[in-house]
Amino acid sequence: MTSLLALARTSWRTWHRPLMVCSGLMAGLVLVCGAGLAVDSRTLLGEPVWYKPLKFGFAFGLYAGTLAWLLAELHKGRRLARWIGTVFAVTSVAEVGAITVQAARGTISHFNADQTDPVTTALTPVLTFGVMVIVIAQLVIGVVVLIQRTGSAALNRAIRAGIGLTLAGMLIPVYWMVTEIHPRTVTDANGTRIPMYQGHGIGDPDGNGMPLTHWSVTGGDFRVPHFFALHGIQVLLALVVVLGALSADRAWLRSEQVQARLVGSAALGYCGLVAVVTWQAGRGQSLIHPDTETLAAFATVLLITTIAIARVVVTARRTGTKDAKPLPSAYR
């Protein structure tokens, strides 16, 4: 059994409880929104009204569960991290709760400048300052993670890179919210005209149309880099699990250094991917309509990542098991 799976199996009762509650509430919200999609035909800015809270519920639920595990594994600054984790959990529930209330009412949540609706007026501070609190909490957790070692070298590298990617994913939309101003008036699901001061797209503020994600197909969309960066930590942790499983039959892969180098190479490539899709969105270009420059950037990232991984694999195979060190028993 791989180190990460073993840790999860043996210590889940010690995971950060407020974050676990947050993750559970988000899972319940996903089910509710799924039912809403089936029975409610209302649309908002071109997509079903329940789609946005479903996406936020899924994303926050997945990350809150990951963070609940991570905070239980910290050794330095643990008390501060657990307190910050509670702030993150409470703020996340408030943020997604406000989004859900607005969706149920058939009106806009983020960027809504309507001063005549008392509910919107009451929820706007939650949606505005909630993001700031979540970003600051994430930054503090990132600093705490950086000052310590958690688990094997590969796991430690995945966590550090993943936390950094998550922070970047939270800051990317904040940057565009203060640099790309798009005042306009839209119609909500109730037929009410709603003034808005911002949007999620570049070139087409309210664009959507992409299957499943509903990202813009007509312009840049900062939700693309936001999504990729936010979920980078899950991708890298999954890679650690896969490498641990593969090492059972491959002696050259049992070295902590080899696994850490492979995770580092993958993290480098993933950061390159986030950089390219961020650059693409900033140029007002849809993810599914890349131009020659964007394709060249993707190809460059893929080539560099492939070379880095191939070099690690070739070197590890050549040295065989000489550098292989068994994982500590707590992580096997």
Protein backbone atom coordinates (compact mmCIF):
# COMPACT_ATOMS: atom_id res chain seq x y z
CA MET A 1 0.00 0.00 0.00
CA THR A 2 1.30 3.41 -0.88
CA SER A 3 2.42 5.89 1.73
CA LEU A 4 -0.32 8.45 1.08
CA LEU A 5 -3.12 5.87 1.15
CA ALA A 6 -1.70 4.36 4.32
CA LEU A 7 -1.66 7.77 6.00
CA ALA A 8 -5.24 8.45 4.98
CA ARG A 9 -6.44 5.06 6.16
CA THR A 10 -4.80 5.15 9.57
CA SER A 11 -5.29 8.78 10.58
CA TRP A 12 -8.57 10.03 9.12
CA ARG A 13 -10.10 10.35 12.60
CA THR A 14 -7.49 13.00 13.43
CA TRP A 15 -8.24 15.13 10.38
CA HIS A 16 -9.26 18.73 10.93
CA ARG A 17 -12.91 18.47 11.91
CA PRO A 18 -14.22 21.88 10.81
CA LEU A 19 -12.74 21.26 7.37
CA MET A 20 -14.25 17.77 7.30
CA VAL A 21 -17.64 19.26 8.18
CA CYS A 22 -17.13 21.83 5.42
CA SER A 23 -16.28 19.06 2.95
CA GLY A 24 -19.36 17.08 4.01
CA LEU A 25 -21.63 20.09 3.60
CA MET A 26 -20.21 20.70 0.14
CA ALA A 27 -20.83 17.08 -0.82
CA GLY A 28 -24.44 17.48 0.29
CA LEU A 29 -24.70 20.69 -1.72
CA VAL A 30 -23.50 18.89 -4.84
CA LEU A 31 -26.34 16.39 -4.44
CA VAL A 32 -28.89 19.17 -3.90
CA CYS A 33 -27.63 21.07 -6.95
CA GLY A 34 -27.74 17.87 -8.99
CA ALA A 35 -31.40 17.52 -8.11
CA GLY A 36 -31.93 21.20 -8.88
CA LEU A 37 -30.47 20.75 -12.34
CA ALA A 38 -32.93 17.93 -12.96
CA VAL A 39 -36.09 19.77 -11.87
CA ASP A 40 -35.32 23.48 -12.35
CA SER A 41 -35.11 24.76 -15.92
CA ARG A 42 -34.19 28.35 -15.08
CA THR A 43 -30.99 29.75 -16.60
CA LEU A 44 -28.69 32.54 -15.55
CA LEU A 45 -26.22 34.12 -17.96
CA GLY A 46 -26.69 31.20 -20.31
CA GLU A 47 -26.26 28.34 -17.85
CA PRO A 48 -28.57 26.54 -15.37
CA VAL A 49 -28.99 28.47 -12.12
CA TRP A 50 -27.78 25.50 -10.04
CA TYR A 51 -24.61 24.96 -12.03
CA LYS A 52 -22.47 27.56 -10.29
CA PRO A 53 -23.12 26.38 -6.70
CA LEU A 54 -22.56 22.80 -7.90
CA LYS A 55 -19.12 23.71 -9.26
CA PHE A 56 -18.18 25.67 -6.16
CA GLY A 57 -19.46 22.90 -3.89
CA PHE A 58 -17.40 20.29 -5.70
CA ALA A 59 -14.23 22.40 -5.75
CA PHE A 60 -14.42 23.55 -2.14
CA GLY A 61 -15.45 20.10 -0.92
CA LEU A 62 -12.49 18.44 -2.61
CA TYR A 63 -10.00 21.02 -1.40
CA ALA A 64 -11.38 21.20 2.15
CA GLY A 65 -11.01 17.41 2.43
CA THR A 66 -7.42 17.61 1.16
CA LEU A 67 -6.63 20.42 3.59
CA ALA A 68 -8.25 18.52 6.48
CA TRP A 69 -5.79 15.68 5.90
CA LEU A 70 -2.80 17.96 5.40
CA LEU A 71 -3.27 19.95 8.60
CA ALA A 72 -3.40 16.71 10.62
CA GLU A 73 0.08 15.81 9.32
CA LEU A 74 1.80 19.06 10.28
CA HIS A 75 4.26 19.21 13.18
CA LYS A 76 5.46 22.81 13.29
CA GLY A 77 2.94 25.62 13.68
CA ARG A 78 0.17 23.06 14.02
CA ARG A 79 -1.99 25.11 16.40
CA LEU A 80 -1.87 28.17 14.13
CA ALA A 81 -2.60 26.06 11.06
CA ARG A 82 -5.59 24.39 12.70
CA TRP A 83 -7.00 27.75 13.74
CA ILE A 84 -6.51 29.12 10.24
CA GLY A 85 -8.10 25.93 8.88
CA THR A 86 -11.20 26.68 10.93
CA VAL A 87 -11.33 30.21 9.52
CA PHE A 88 -10.98 28.75 6.02
CA ALA A 89 -13.81 26.27 6.64
CA VAL A 90 -16.23 28.82 8.09
CA THR A 91 -15.50 31.38 5.39
CA SER A 92 -15.86 28.78 2.63
CA VAL A 93 -19.25 27.70 3.92
CA ALA A 94 -20.37 31.34 4.11
CA GLU A 95 -19.05 32.08 0.60
CA VAL A 96 -20.61 29.06 -1.08
CA GLY A 97 -23.76 29.51 1.00
CA ALA A 98 -24.18 33.04 -0.37
CA ILE A 99 -23.67 31.74 -3.91
CA THR A 100 -26.31 29.06 -3.32
CA VAL A 101 -28.85 31.52 -1.89
CA GLN A 102 -28.48 33.76 -4.92
CA ALA A 103 -28.75 30.81 -7.29
CA ALA A 104 -31.95 29.66 -5.59
CA ARG A 105 -33.31 33.20 -6.00
CA GLY A 106 -32.38 33.11 -9.69
CA THR A 107 -30.08 36.10 -9.52
CA ILE A 108 -26.39 37.01 -9.78
CA SER A 109 -24.00 36.35 -6.90
CA HIS A 110 -20.53 37.69 -7.77
CA PHE A 111 -20.13 41.14 -9.36
CA ASN A 112 -23.76 42.06 -8.61
CA ALA A 113 -24.03 45.85 -8.18
CA ASP A 114 -27.78 45.95 -7.49
CA GLN A 115 -28.32 48.27 -4.52
CA THR A 116 -32.13 47.91 -4.50
CA ASP A 117 -32.26 44.26 -3.43
CA PRO A 118 -31.78 43.91 0.37
CA VAL A 119 -30.68 40.26 0.15
CA THR A 120 -28.02 41.04 -2.45
CA THR A 121 -26.90 44.04 -0.40
CA ALA A 122 -26.52 41.82 2.67
CA LEU A 123 -24.64 39.07 0.81
CA THR A 124 -22.27 41.28 -1.19
CA PRO A 125 -19.82 41.80 1.73
CA VAL A 126 -19.71 38.02 2.27
CA LEU A 127 -18.87 37.42 -1.38
CA THR A 128 -16.40 40.31 -1.53
CA PHE A 129 -14.48 39.91 1.71
CA GLY A 130 -14.88 36.14 1.89
CA VAL A 131 -12.47 35.74 -1.02
CA MET A 132 -9.92 37.95 0.73
CA VAL A 133 -10.15 35.94 3.95
CA ILE A 134 -9.77 32.65 2.07
CA VAL A 135 -6.70 33.91 0.18
CA ILE A 136 -5.04 35.19 3.37
CA ALA A 137 -5.79 31.92 5.17
CA GLN A 138 -4.31 29.98 2.26
CA LEU A 139 -1.19 32.16 2.36
CA VAL A 140 -0.68 31.50 6.09
CA ILE A 141 -1.15 27.76 5.60
CA GLY A 142 1.36 27.87 2.74
CA VAL A 143 3.98 29.49 4.97
CA VAL A 144 3.40 26.89 7.70
CA VAL A 145 3.78 24.08 5.16
CA LEU A 146 7.04 25.52 3.84
CA ILE A 147 8.78 25.46 7.23
CA GLN A 148 8.45 21.72 7.73
CA ARG A 149 8.76 18.31 6.17
CA THR A 150 5.64 16.18 5.86
CA GLY A 151 6.05 12.52 4.92
CA SER A 152 8.36 11.23 2.22
CA ALA A 153 10.39 13.47 -0.05
CA ALA A 154 7.94 12.97 -2.93
CA LEU A 155 4.93 13.68 -0.75
CA ASN A 156 6.58 16.74 0.75
CA ARG A 157 7.37 18.10 -2.71
CA ALA A 158 3.83 17.44 -3.95
CA ILE A 159 2.33 19.26 -0.96
CA ARG A 160 4.58 22.30 -1.27
CA ALA A 161 4.07 22.66 -5.01
CA GLY A 162 0.34 21.99 -4.65
CA ILE A 163 -0.14 24.62 -1.96
CA GLY A 164 1.73 27.13 -4.10
CA LEU A 165 -0.44 26.32 -7.10
CA THR A 166 -3.59 26.65 -5.01
CA LEU A 167 -2.54 30.09 -3.80
CA ALA A 168 -1.82 31.12 -7.38
CA GLY A 169 -5.23 29.81 -8.43
CA MET A 170 -6.90 31.99 -5.83
CA LEU A 171 -4.94 35.10 -6.77
CA ILE A 172 -5.44 34.86 -10.54
CA PRO A 173 -9.15 35.83 -10.53
CA VAL A 174 -8.48 38.49 -7.89
CA TYR A 175 -5.98 40.12 -10.25
CA TRP A 176 -8.47 40.29 -13.09
CA MET A 177 -11.23 41.52 -10.82
CA VAL A 178 -9.25 44.68 -10.12
CA THR A 179 -7.71 45.18 -13.58
CA GLU A 180 -10.46 44.21 -16.03
CA ILE A 181 -13.55 46.30 -15.26
CA HIS A 182 -16.64 45.56 -17.36
CA PRO A 183 -19.67 47.56 -16.15
CA ARG A 184 -22.83 46.39 -17.87
CA THR A 185 -26.44 45.38 -17.28
CA VAL A 186 -27.66 41.79 -17.61
CA THR A 187 -30.97 40.00 -17.09
CA ASP A 188 -31.28 37.40 -14.35
CA ALA A 189 -33.50 34.30 -14.32
CA ASN A 190 -36.43 36.37 -13.05
CA GLY A 191 -36.27 38.84 -15.90
CA THR A 192 -34.86 41.55 -13.65
CA ARG A 193 -32.21 43.88 -15.04
CA ILE A 194 -29.07 43.61 -12.88
CA PRO A 195 -26.13 46.04 -13.04
CA MET A 196 -22.76 44.29 -12.89
CA TYR A 197 -19.30 45.75 -12.42
CA GLN A 198 -17.17 42.78 -13.45
CA GLY A 199 -17.17 39.42 -15.24
CA HIS A 200 -15.21 36.21 -15.48
CA GLY A 201 -14.03 36.64 -19.04
CA ILE A 202 -11.62 38.68 -21.12
CA GLY A 203 -13.20 39.94 -24.33
CA ASP A 204 -16.53 38.31 -23.43
CA PRO A 205 -17.26 38.95 -19.72
CA ASP A 206 -20.14 36.46 -19.46
CA GLY A 207 -19.08 33.95 -22.08
CA ASN A 208 -19.76 30.25 -21.65
CA GLY A 209 -20.68 27.28 -23.84
CA MET A 210 -17.91 24.80 -23.20
CA PRO A 211 -19.32 21.34 -22.38
CA LEU A 212 -19.34 20.40 -18.67
CA THR A 213 -17.27 23.38 -17.47
CA HIS A 214 -19.31 26.11 -19.21
CA TRP A 215 -16.12 28.09 -19.79
CA SER A 216 -16.19 30.67 -22.55
CA VAL A 217 -15.81 29.53 -26.14
CA THR A 218 -15.71 33.08 -27.51
CA GLY A 219 -13.07 34.77 -25.34
CA GLY A 220 -10.58 34.39 -22.53
CA ASP A 221 -11.84 33.02 -19.23
CA PHE A 222 -9.90 33.34 -15.96
CA ARG A 223 -11.85 30.38 -14.55
CA VAL A 224 -9.59 28.16 -16.68
CA PRO A 225 -6.27 28.90 -14.89
CA HIS A 226 -8.20 29.19 -11.62
CA PHE A 227 -9.45 25.62 -12.02
CA PHE A 228 -6.15 24.10 -13.11
CA ALA A 229 -4.14 25.82 -10.38
CA LEU A 230 -6.66 25.15 -7.63
CA HIS A 231 -6.68 21.41 -8.27
CA GLY A 232 -2.97 21.00 -8.89
CA ILE A 233 -2.44 19.65 -5.39
CA GLN A 234 -4.86 16.77 -6.00
CA VAL A 235 -3.11 15.93 -9.27
CA LEU A 236 0.30 15.85 -7.60
CA LEU A 237 -0.93 13.83 -4.63
CA ALA A 238 -2.50 11.35 -7.04
CA LEU A 239 0.88 11.09 -8.76
CA VAL A 240 2.52 10.23 -5.43
CA VAL A 241 -0.02 7.42 -5.00
CA VAL A 242 0.62 6.11 -8.51
CA LEU A 243 4.40 6.18 -8.06
CA GLY A 244 4.07 4.33 -4.77
CA ALA A 245 1.95 1.65 -6.40
CA LEU A 246 4.31 1.27 -9.38
CA SER A 247 7.36 1.00 -7.11
CA ALA A 248 6.16 -2.38 -5.84
CA ASP A 249 7.27 -4.01 -9.10
CA ARG A 250 10.04 -1.61 -10.08
CA ALA A 251 13.11 -1.55 -7.85
CA TRP A 252 14.52 1.58 -9.50
CA LEU A 253 11.38 3.50 -8.50
CA ARG A 254 11.67 2.70 -4.79
CA SER A 255 14.18 5.44 -4.19
CA GLU A 256 12.72 8.45 -2.39
CA GLN A 257 14.96 10.70 -4.46
CA VAL A 258 13.72 9.26 -7.74
CA GLN A 259 10.07 9.65 -6.76
CA ALA A 260 10.71 13.18 -5.52
CA ARG A 261 12.45 14.12 -8.78
CA LEU A 262 9.57 12.72 -10.82
CA VAL A 263 7.05 14.67 -8.75
CA GLY A 264 9.22 17.78 -9.10
CA SER A 265 9.36 17.36 -12.88
CA ALA A 266 5.59 16.90 -13.04
CA ALA A 267 5.07 19.95 -10.82
CA LEU A 268 7.30 22.00 -13.11
CA GLY A 269 5.24 20.92 -16.11
CA TYR A 270 1.97 21.61 -14.31
CA CYS A 271 3.14 25.12 -13.38
CA GLY A 272 4.00 25.64 -17.03
CA LEU A 273 0.50 24.52 -18.00
CA VAL A 274 -1.07 27.00 -15.57
CA ALA A 275 1.19 29.77 -16.88
CA VAL A 276 0.20 29.08 -20.49
CA VAL A 277 -3.57 28.95 -19.86
CA THR A 278 -3.28 32.13 -17.77
CA TRP A 279 -1.46 33.87 -20.62
CA GLN A 280 -3.99 32.51 -23.09
CA ALA A 281 -6.97 33.77 -21.07
CA GLY A 282 -5.35 37.18 -20.59
CA ARG A 283 -5.11 37.53 -24.37
CA GLY A 284 -8.87 37.03 -24.67
CA GLN A 285 -8.53 33.57 -26.18
CA SER A 286 -10.75 30.57 -25.44
CA LEU A 287 -9.09 27.40 -24.18
CA ILE A 288 -10.46 25.38 -27.10
CA HIS A 289 -9.42 27.91 -29.76
CA PRO A 290 -5.66 28.27 -29.29
CA ASP A 291 -3.63 30.17 -31.88
CA THR A 292 -0.18 29.23 -33.15
CA GLU A 293 1.61 31.02 -30.32
CA THR A 294 -0.44 29.25 -27.67
CA LEU A 295 0.10 25.85 -29.30
CA ALA A 296 3.83 26.54 -29.43
CA ALA A 297 3.80 27.41 -25.71
CA PHE A 298 1.92 24.20 -24.87
CA ALA A 299 4.37 22.20 -26.97
CA THR A 300 7.34 23.82 -25.23
CA VAL A 301 5.98 22.99 -21.79
CA LEU A 302 5.27 19.40 -22.87
CA LEU A 303 8.74 18.99 -24.37
CA ILE A 304 10.58 20.36 -21.31
CA THR A 305 8.48 18.22 -18.95
CA THR A 306 9.01 15.09 -21.05
CA ILE A 307 12.78 15.65 -21.17
CA ALA A 308 12.92 16.21 -17.40
CA ILE A 309 10.93 13.06 -16.64
CA ALA A 310 12.87 10.98 -19.20
CA ARG A 311 16.17 12.08 -17.69
CA VAL A 312 15.07 11.03 -14.21
CA VAL A 313 13.81 7.65 -15.45
CA VAL A 314 16.91 6.89 -17.54
CA THR A 315 19.26 7.84 -14.70
CA ALA A 316 17.26 5.80 -12.18
CA ARG A 317 17.22 2.72 -14.40
CA ARG A 318 20.95 3.02 -15.00
CA THR A 319 21.81 3.19 -11.29
CA GLY A 320 19.33 0.42 -10.46
CA THR A 321 18.62 -0.08 -6.76
CA LYS A 322 21.84 1.45 -5.42
CA ASP A 323 20.06 4.62 -4.34
CA ALA A 324 16.83 2.94 -3.33
CA LYS A 325 15.89 3.54 0.29
CA PRO A 326 12.80 1.95 1.80
CA LEU A 327 10.13 4.36 2.94
CA PRO A 328 9.75 4.80 6.71
CA SER A 329 7.33 2.24 8.13
CA ALA A 330 4.80 4.97 8.97
CA TYR A 331 4.47 5.75 5.27
CA ARG A 332 4.42 2.27 3.76
